[in-house]
N, C-alpha and C. Protein backbone atom coordinates (compact mmCIF):
# COMPACT_ATOMS: atom_id res chain seq x y z
N MET A 1 107.97 152.41 64.49
CA MET A 1 109.30 151.91 64.23
C MET A 1 110.01 151.72 65.56
N TRP A 2 110.79 150.68 65.67
CA TRP A 2 111.55 150.41 66.89
C TRP A 2 113.02 150.67 66.62
N CYS A 3 113.75 150.82 67.68
CA CYS A 3 115.18 151.04 67.52
C CYS A 3 115.93 150.28 68.61
N ILE A 4 117.16 149.97 68.35
CA ILE A 4 118.01 149.29 69.30
C ILE A 4 118.68 150.37 70.15
N GLY A 5 118.65 150.17 71.47
CA GLY A 5 119.29 151.12 72.37
C GLY A 5 120.80 150.95 72.34
N GLN A 6 121.42 151.34 73.41
CA GLN A 6 122.87 151.19 73.53
C GLN A 6 123.24 149.71 73.51
N ILE A 7 124.25 149.37 72.74
CA ILE A 7 124.73 147.99 72.69
C ILE A 7 125.79 147.86 73.78
N THR A 8 125.36 147.32 74.90
CA THR A 8 126.22 147.16 76.06
C THR A 8 126.57 145.69 76.24
N GLY A 9 127.39 145.41 77.21
CA GLY A 9 127.72 144.02 77.52
C GLY A 9 126.50 143.23 77.94
N GLU A 10 125.61 143.85 78.71
CA GLU A 10 124.38 143.17 79.15
C GLU A 10 123.49 142.86 77.94
N TYR A 11 123.37 143.81 77.02
CA TYR A 11 122.58 143.60 75.81
C TYR A 11 123.12 142.40 75.02
N LEU A 12 124.43 142.36 74.81
CA LEU A 12 125.03 141.26 74.06
C LEU A 12 124.87 139.93 74.78
N ALA A 13 124.95 139.92 76.10
CA ALA A 13 124.76 138.69 76.86
C ALA A 13 123.34 138.16 76.69
N ARG A 14 122.36 139.06 76.75
CA ARG A 14 120.96 138.64 76.56
C ARG A 14 120.72 138.16 75.13
N LEU A 15 121.33 138.82 74.17
CA LEU A 15 121.23 138.40 72.77
C LEU A 15 121.79 136.99 72.60
N GLU A 16 122.93 136.72 73.21
CA GLU A 16 123.53 135.39 73.14
C GLU A 16 122.65 134.34 73.80
N ASP A 17 121.96 134.71 74.89
CA ASP A 17 121.02 133.78 75.55
C ASP A 17 119.89 133.40 74.60
N VAL A 18 119.35 134.37 73.89
CA VAL A 18 118.26 134.10 72.94
C VAL A 18 118.76 133.22 71.80
N LEU A 19 119.92 133.54 71.26
CA LEU A 19 120.47 132.73 70.16
C LEU A 19 120.77 131.31 70.62
N HIS A 20 121.23 131.15 71.85
CA HIS A 20 121.48 129.81 72.39
C HIS A 20 120.16 129.04 72.50
N LEU A 21 119.11 129.71 72.96
CA LEU A 21 117.80 129.07 73.08
C LEU A 21 117.32 128.57 71.72
N TYR A 22 117.50 129.38 70.67
CA TYR A 22 117.08 128.98 69.33
C TYR A 22 117.91 127.83 68.78
N SER A 23 119.13 127.66 69.26
CA SER A 23 120.00 126.60 68.74
C SER A 23 119.77 125.25 69.41
N LEU A 24 118.99 125.21 70.49
CA LEU A 24 118.74 123.95 71.19
C LEU A 24 117.90 123.01 70.34
N PRO A 25 118.08 121.69 70.48
CA PRO A 25 117.24 120.75 69.73
C PRO A 25 115.80 120.78 70.25
N TYR A 26 114.88 120.28 69.44
CA TYR A 26 113.47 120.28 69.80
C TYR A 26 113.22 119.46 71.06
N ASN A 27 112.44 120.02 71.98
CA ASN A 27 112.05 119.34 73.21
C ASN A 27 110.55 119.50 73.35
N LYS A 28 109.81 118.41 73.20
CA LYS A 28 108.34 118.47 73.23
C LYS A 28 107.83 118.98 74.57
N ALA A 29 108.55 118.70 75.64
CA ALA A 29 108.11 119.14 76.97
C ALA A 29 108.31 120.64 77.17
N ARG A 30 109.24 121.23 76.45
CA ARG A 30 109.52 122.67 76.58
C ARG A 30 109.68 123.31 75.20
N PRO A 31 108.58 123.47 74.47
CA PRO A 31 108.70 124.06 73.14
C PRO A 31 109.09 125.54 73.21
N VAL A 32 109.81 125.99 72.20
CA VAL A 32 110.18 127.40 72.09
C VAL A 32 109.10 128.09 71.27
N LEU A 33 108.49 129.11 71.85
CA LEU A 33 107.45 129.87 71.15
C LEU A 33 107.92 131.29 70.93
N CYS A 34 107.69 131.80 69.73
CA CYS A 34 108.02 133.18 69.40
C CYS A 34 106.70 133.91 69.14
N TYR A 35 106.58 135.09 69.69
CA TYR A 35 105.36 135.89 69.53
C TYR A 35 105.65 137.15 68.74
N ASP A 36 104.66 137.54 67.94
CA ASP A 36 104.75 138.81 67.24
C ASP A 36 103.33 139.37 67.15
N GLU A 37 103.22 140.66 67.18
CA GLU A 37 101.90 141.29 67.04
C GLU A 37 101.99 142.43 66.05
N MET A 38 100.85 142.72 65.42
CA MET A 38 100.82 143.77 64.42
C MET A 38 99.45 144.45 64.45
N PRO A 39 99.43 145.77 64.58
CA PRO A 39 98.15 146.47 64.48
C PRO A 39 97.72 146.55 63.02
N VAL A 40 96.44 146.39 62.76
CA VAL A 40 95.90 146.39 61.40
C VAL A 40 94.74 147.37 61.33
N GLN A 41 94.72 148.21 60.32
CA GLN A 41 93.62 149.12 60.09
C GLN A 41 92.56 148.39 59.24
N LEU A 42 91.33 148.38 59.70
CA LEU A 42 90.25 147.70 58.98
C LEU A 42 89.56 148.71 58.07
N LEU A 43 89.61 148.45 56.77
CA LEU A 43 89.08 149.39 55.78
C LEU A 43 87.92 148.77 55.01
N GLY A 44 86.98 149.60 54.61
CA GLY A 44 85.85 149.16 53.80
C GLY A 44 85.73 150.03 52.56
N GLU A 45 85.00 149.55 51.59
CA GLU A 45 84.80 150.28 50.34
C GLU A 45 83.68 151.30 50.49
N VAL A 46 83.86 152.49 49.92
CA VAL A 46 82.80 153.50 49.85
C VAL A 46 82.05 153.34 48.53
N VAL A 47 82.81 153.10 47.46
CA VAL A 47 82.25 152.90 46.12
C VAL A 47 82.55 151.46 45.70
N THR A 48 81.55 150.79 45.13
CA THR A 48 81.76 149.41 44.67
C THR A 48 82.80 149.39 43.56
N PRO A 49 83.80 148.48 43.65
CA PRO A 49 84.83 148.40 42.59
C PRO A 49 84.20 148.09 41.24
N LEU A 50 84.83 148.64 40.19
CA LEU A 50 84.34 148.39 38.83
C LEU A 50 84.64 146.95 38.44
N PRO A 51 83.73 146.32 37.70
CA PRO A 51 83.99 144.94 37.28
C PRO A 51 85.18 144.86 36.34
N MET A 52 85.81 143.70 36.32
CA MET A 52 86.97 143.51 35.46
C MET A 52 86.55 143.40 34.00
N LYS A 53 87.37 143.96 33.14
CA LYS A 53 87.20 143.79 31.71
C LYS A 53 88.29 142.83 31.26
N GLU A 54 88.14 142.32 30.07
CA GLU A 54 89.13 141.39 29.54
C GLU A 54 90.51 142.04 29.51
N ALA A 55 91.50 141.35 30.05
CA ALA A 55 92.90 141.79 30.08
C ALA A 55 93.10 143.07 30.92
N ALA A 56 92.22 143.31 31.89
CA ALA A 56 92.38 144.48 32.76
C ALA A 56 92.13 144.05 34.21
N ALA A 57 92.80 144.70 35.12
CA ALA A 57 92.65 144.37 36.54
C ALA A 57 91.42 145.05 37.13
N LEU A 58 90.97 144.55 38.24
CA LEU A 58 89.86 145.15 38.97
C LEU A 58 90.28 146.54 39.43
N ARG A 59 89.38 147.52 39.30
CA ARG A 59 89.73 148.90 39.64
C ARG A 59 89.01 149.33 40.91
N PHE A 60 89.79 149.93 41.80
CA PHE A 60 89.26 150.39 43.08
C PHE A 60 89.34 151.91 43.14
N ASP A 61 88.37 152.50 43.84
CA ASP A 61 88.39 153.94 44.07
C ASP A 61 89.34 154.23 45.23
N TYR A 62 89.86 155.43 45.31
CA TYR A 62 90.81 155.78 46.36
C TYR A 62 90.12 156.04 47.70
N GLU A 63 88.80 156.27 47.69
CA GLU A 63 88.08 156.51 48.94
C GLU A 63 87.86 155.20 49.69
N TYR A 64 87.89 155.30 51.00
CA TYR A 64 87.63 154.13 51.82
C TYR A 64 86.94 154.54 53.11
N ARG A 65 86.33 153.58 53.76
CA ARG A 65 85.67 153.80 55.04
C ARG A 65 86.52 153.11 56.10
N ARG A 66 86.85 153.85 57.15
CA ARG A 66 87.65 153.29 58.24
C ARG A 66 86.72 152.54 59.18
N ASN A 67 86.97 151.26 59.36
CA ASN A 67 86.12 150.41 60.21
C ASN A 67 86.81 150.02 61.51
N GLY A 68 87.77 150.81 61.96
CA GLY A 68 88.43 150.54 63.22
C GLY A 68 89.79 149.89 63.04
N VAL A 69 90.30 149.36 64.13
CA VAL A 69 91.60 148.69 64.13
C VAL A 69 91.48 147.38 64.88
N ALA A 70 92.42 146.49 64.62
CA ALA A 70 92.51 145.22 65.34
C ALA A 70 94.00 144.92 65.51
N ASN A 71 94.31 144.06 66.43
CA ASN A 71 95.69 143.62 66.64
C ASN A 71 95.77 142.14 66.31
N ILE A 72 96.71 141.78 65.47
CA ILE A 72 96.92 140.39 65.09
C ILE A 72 98.09 139.85 65.91
N LEU A 73 97.88 138.72 66.58
CA LEU A 73 98.93 138.10 67.36
C LEU A 73 99.29 136.77 66.71
N LEU A 74 100.57 136.54 66.54
CA LEU A 74 101.06 135.31 65.93
C LEU A 74 101.99 134.62 66.92
N ALA A 75 101.74 133.35 67.18
CA ALA A 75 102.63 132.53 68.00
C ALA A 75 103.18 131.43 67.08
N VAL A 76 104.49 131.29 67.02
CA VAL A 76 105.14 130.32 66.14
C VAL A 76 106.09 129.45 66.95
N GLU A 77 106.03 128.17 66.68
CA GLU A 77 107.04 127.26 67.22
C GLU A 77 107.99 126.97 66.05
N PRO A 78 109.15 127.65 65.99
CA PRO A 78 109.99 127.61 64.79
C PRO A 78 110.53 126.24 64.41
N LEU A 79 110.75 125.36 65.36
CA LEU A 79 111.35 124.07 65.03
C LEU A 79 110.35 123.09 64.43
N THR A 80 109.06 123.31 64.62
CA THR A 80 108.04 122.43 64.03
C THR A 80 107.21 123.13 62.96
N GLY A 81 107.25 124.45 62.93
CA GLY A 81 106.45 125.19 61.96
C GLY A 81 105.01 125.39 62.40
N LYS A 82 104.64 124.96 63.60
CA LYS A 82 103.28 125.15 64.09
C LYS A 82 103.07 126.62 64.41
N ARG A 83 101.84 127.08 64.19
CA ARG A 83 101.55 128.47 64.47
C ARG A 83 100.10 128.66 64.88
N VAL A 84 99.88 129.70 65.66
CA VAL A 84 98.55 130.11 66.10
C VAL A 84 98.41 131.58 65.75
N VAL A 85 97.30 131.93 65.11
CA VAL A 85 97.03 133.33 64.78
C VAL A 85 95.72 133.71 65.45
N ALA A 86 95.71 134.87 66.08
CA ALA A 86 94.49 135.33 66.75
C ALA A 86 94.34 136.82 66.53
N ARG A 87 93.09 137.27 66.60
CA ARG A 87 92.79 138.69 66.46
C ARG A 87 92.31 139.21 67.80
N LEU A 88 92.89 140.31 68.23
CA LEU A 88 92.46 140.98 69.45
C LEU A 88 91.79 142.29 69.06
N ALA A 89 90.59 142.53 69.57
CA ALA A 89 89.89 143.78 69.25
C ALA A 89 90.61 144.96 69.87
N ALA A 90 91.15 144.79 71.05
CA ALA A 90 91.89 145.87 71.71
C ALA A 90 93.17 145.30 72.29
N LYS A 91 94.19 146.12 72.30
CA LYS A 91 95.48 145.66 72.82
C LYS A 91 95.56 145.99 74.30
N ASN A 92 95.47 144.97 75.13
CA ASN A 92 95.70 145.17 76.55
C ASN A 92 96.21 143.87 77.17
N GLN A 93 96.89 144.00 78.28
CA GLN A 93 97.55 142.86 78.91
C GLN A 93 96.57 141.78 79.33
N SER A 94 95.38 142.16 79.79
CA SER A 94 94.44 141.17 80.29
C SER A 94 93.95 140.23 79.19
N ARG A 95 93.97 140.65 77.93
CA ARG A 95 93.57 139.77 76.83
C ARG A 95 94.75 139.02 76.24
N LEU A 96 95.93 139.58 76.34
CA LEU A 96 97.11 138.98 75.75
C LEU A 96 97.58 137.75 76.52
N CYS A 97 97.58 137.81 77.85
CA CYS A 97 98.08 136.69 78.67
C CYS A 97 97.27 135.41 78.47
N PRO A 98 95.93 135.44 78.52
CA PRO A 98 95.19 134.19 78.26
C PRO A 98 95.45 133.64 76.86
N LEU A 99 95.64 134.53 75.89
CA LEU A 99 95.92 134.09 74.53
C LEU A 99 97.27 133.37 74.47
N GLN A 100 98.26 133.85 75.21
CA GLN A 100 99.55 133.18 75.24
C GLN A 100 99.44 131.80 75.89
N ARG A 101 98.66 131.69 76.96
CA ARG A 101 98.46 130.37 77.59
C ARG A 101 97.77 129.42 76.63
N THR A 102 96.75 129.91 75.92
CA THR A 102 96.02 129.08 74.96
C THR A 102 96.93 128.62 73.84
N SER A 103 97.75 129.53 73.30
CA SER A 103 98.64 129.14 72.20
C SER A 103 99.66 128.12 72.66
N CYS A 104 100.14 128.21 73.89
CA CYS A 104 101.08 127.20 74.42
C CYS A 104 100.42 125.83 74.46
N ARG A 105 99.18 125.77 74.93
CA ARG A 105 98.47 124.48 74.98
C ARG A 105 98.23 123.93 73.58
N LYS A 106 97.81 124.79 72.65
CA LYS A 106 97.52 124.33 71.29
C LYS A 106 98.77 123.82 70.59
N VAL A 107 99.87 124.53 70.74
CA VAL A 107 101.11 124.10 70.08
C VAL A 107 101.57 122.77 70.64
N SER A 108 101.48 122.58 71.95
CA SER A 108 101.98 121.34 72.55
C SER A 108 101.08 120.15 72.23
N ARG A 109 99.78 120.36 71.97
CA ARG A 109 98.87 119.24 71.68
C ARG A 109 98.71 118.95 70.20
N SER A 110 98.98 119.91 69.34
CA SER A 110 98.67 119.76 67.92
C SER A 110 99.68 118.88 67.21
N ARG A 111 99.19 118.14 66.23
CA ARG A 111 100.07 117.33 65.39
C ARG A 111 100.16 117.91 63.98
N SER A 112 99.31 118.86 63.67
CA SER A 112 99.31 119.45 62.32
C SER A 112 100.02 120.80 62.34
N ASN A 113 100.24 121.37 61.16
CA ASN A 113 100.88 122.66 61.06
C ASN A 113 99.90 123.81 61.19
N TYR A 114 98.63 123.60 60.90
CA TYR A 114 97.65 124.66 60.93
C TYR A 114 96.54 124.27 61.90
N PHE A 115 96.19 125.17 62.76
CA PHE A 115 95.09 124.91 63.69
C PHE A 115 94.53 126.21 64.17
N ASP A 116 93.32 126.17 64.74
CA ASP A 116 92.65 127.39 65.23
C ASP A 116 92.94 127.58 66.70
């Protein structure tokens, strides 16, 4: 969980800068990209789920096998709806920076909403 620190004049000035950036019209030469990341726990089944019966949902056992973790990175260009999603096996700066450069190139070249 994250928390907001002291709300100072500097904090409010930076917040206003971000809001101003979001209010600018679309500029193809300088797209606005927003990044978000989320750690995900990779789980596997220990017991095969029971098959569905008529008018009943698939039933899963409470046991699971932990298969590690991954980090999901999302880059979104909010004014066009374009997005790039990538999985990082480990969270470290050396893998994140090239991914940000790649997502910038893909967003600026793509004409569709979904791309790899």
